[in-house]
Amino acid sequence: MTGTEASQAARPDTRSRLLDAAEALFAERGSESVSLREIGRAAGARNVIAAQYWFTDRDGLVRALVERHAPDIETARHSLLDEYEAAL
């Protein structure tokens, strides 16, 4: 594996760790009380602006968190709609 391939293979892991850290910190203190740099440090990112690189800004990070959970939300929503329709 070349250096570029190794770097590309590690990228999703960094992004995933950033999302995990953001989710935990946001749950603990709220999204407005946590800086992108703090999220990067909590995720163990080597670059202090890793969150900015991956998500551009706080809104991009929140969008990524929503997208991450969208499949589970949709599954639960469809299940609730099915139950509602069955009860009619």
Protein backbone atom coordinates (compact mmCIF):
# COMPACT_ATOMS: atom_id res chain seq x y z
CA MET A 1 0.00 0.00 0.00
CA THR A 2 1.41 3.39 -0.98
CA GLY A 3 1.46 6.39 1.31
CA THR A 4 -1.49 7.92 -0.56
CA GLU A 5 -3.52 4.72 -0.29
CA ALA A 6 -2.78 4.48 3.43
CA SER A 7 -3.79 8.12 3.89
CA GLN A 8 -7.06 7.58 2.02
CA ALA A 9 -7.80 4.43 4.02
CA ALA A 10 -7.35 6.36 7.29
CA ARG A 11 -9.62 9.24 6.27
CA PRO A 12 -12.98 7.61 7.03
CA ASP A 13 -11.61 6.62 10.43
CA THR A 14 -10.68 10.23 11.22
CA ARG A 15 -14.03 11.49 9.98
CA SER A 16 -15.84 8.84 12.02
CA ARG A 17 -13.84 9.68 15.15
CA LEU A 18 -14.65 13.37 14.66
CA LEU A 19 -18.35 12.58 14.39
CA ASP A 20 -18.21 10.35 17.48
CA ALA A 21 -16.43 13.05 19.47
CA ALA A 22 -18.80 15.78 18.29
CA GLU A 23 -21.84 13.70 19.16
CA ALA A 24 -20.54 13.00 22.67
CA LEU A 25 -19.48 16.60 23.34
CA PHE A 26 -22.69 18.06 21.90
CA ALA A 27 -24.77 15.70 24.06
CA GLU A 28 -22.78 16.68 27.11
CA ARG A 29 -22.59 20.46 26.66
CA GLY A 30 -24.65 21.50 23.63
CA SER A 31 -23.49 22.24 20.12
CA GLU A 32 -22.81 25.93 20.71
CA SER A 33 -20.51 25.28 23.69
CA VAL A 34 -17.99 23.10 21.84
CA SER A 35 -15.39 24.38 19.39
CA LEU A 36 -14.31 22.54 16.26
CA ARG A 37 -10.76 22.48 17.63
CA GLU A 38 -12.00 20.84 20.83
CA ILE A 39 -13.76 18.20 18.76
CA GLY A 40 -10.54 17.56 16.87
CA ARG A 41 -8.58 17.15 20.10
CA ALA A 42 -11.23 14.84 21.58
CA ALA A 43 -11.12 12.73 18.41
CA GLY A 44 -7.35 12.42 18.64
CA ALA A 45 -6.85 14.14 15.29
CA ARG A 46 -3.24 15.11 14.61
CA ASN A 47 -4.31 18.27 12.82
CA VAL A 48 -6.14 20.80 15.02
CA ILE A 49 -8.30 21.92 12.11
CA ALA A 50 -9.35 18.41 11.07
CA ALA A 51 -13.03 19.15 11.76
CA GLN A 52 -12.86 22.21 9.52
CA TYR A 53 -11.20 20.15 6.80
CA TRP A 54 -13.89 17.46 6.89
CA PHE A 55 -16.99 19.56 7.60
CA THR A 56 -16.06 23.21 6.80
CA ASP A 57 -17.97 24.61 9.79
CA ARG A 58 -20.31 23.74 12.65
CA ASP A 59 -23.33 23.60 10.32
CA GLY A 60 -21.56 21.10 8.10
CA LEU A 61 -20.71 18.98 11.11
CA VAL A 62 -24.31 19.02 12.35
CA ARG A 63 -25.52 18.10 8.83
CA ALA A 64 -23.10 15.16 8.80
CA LEU A 65 -24.43 13.99 12.18
CA VAL A 66 -28.02 14.19 10.90
CA GLU A 67 -27.03 12.28 7.74
CA ARG A 68 -25.29 9.67 9.86
CA HIS A 69 -28.49 8.93 11.76
CA ALA A 70 -30.96 9.44 8.88
CA PRO A 71 -31.26 5.73 7.95
CA ASP A 72 -32.16 4.76 11.53
CA ILE A 73 -34.58 7.67 11.81
CA GLU A 74 -36.25 6.72 8.53
CA THR A 75 -36.58 3.09 9.62
CA ALA A 76 -38.21 4.13 12.89
CA ARG A 77 -40.46 6.63 11.11
CA HIS A 78 -41.67 4.03 8.62
CA SER A 79 -42.30 1.58 11.45
CA LEU A 80 -44.43 4.15 13.28
CA LEU A 81 -46.34 4.98 10.10
CA ASP A 82 -46.98 1.28 9.48
CA GLU A 83 -48.34 0.89 13.03
CA TYR A 84 -50.53 3.95 12.57
CA GLU A 85 -51.94 2.69 9.27
CA ALA A 86 -52.58 -0.76 10.75
CA ALA A 87 -54.55 0.81 13.60
CA LEU A 88 -56.93 2.63 11.23
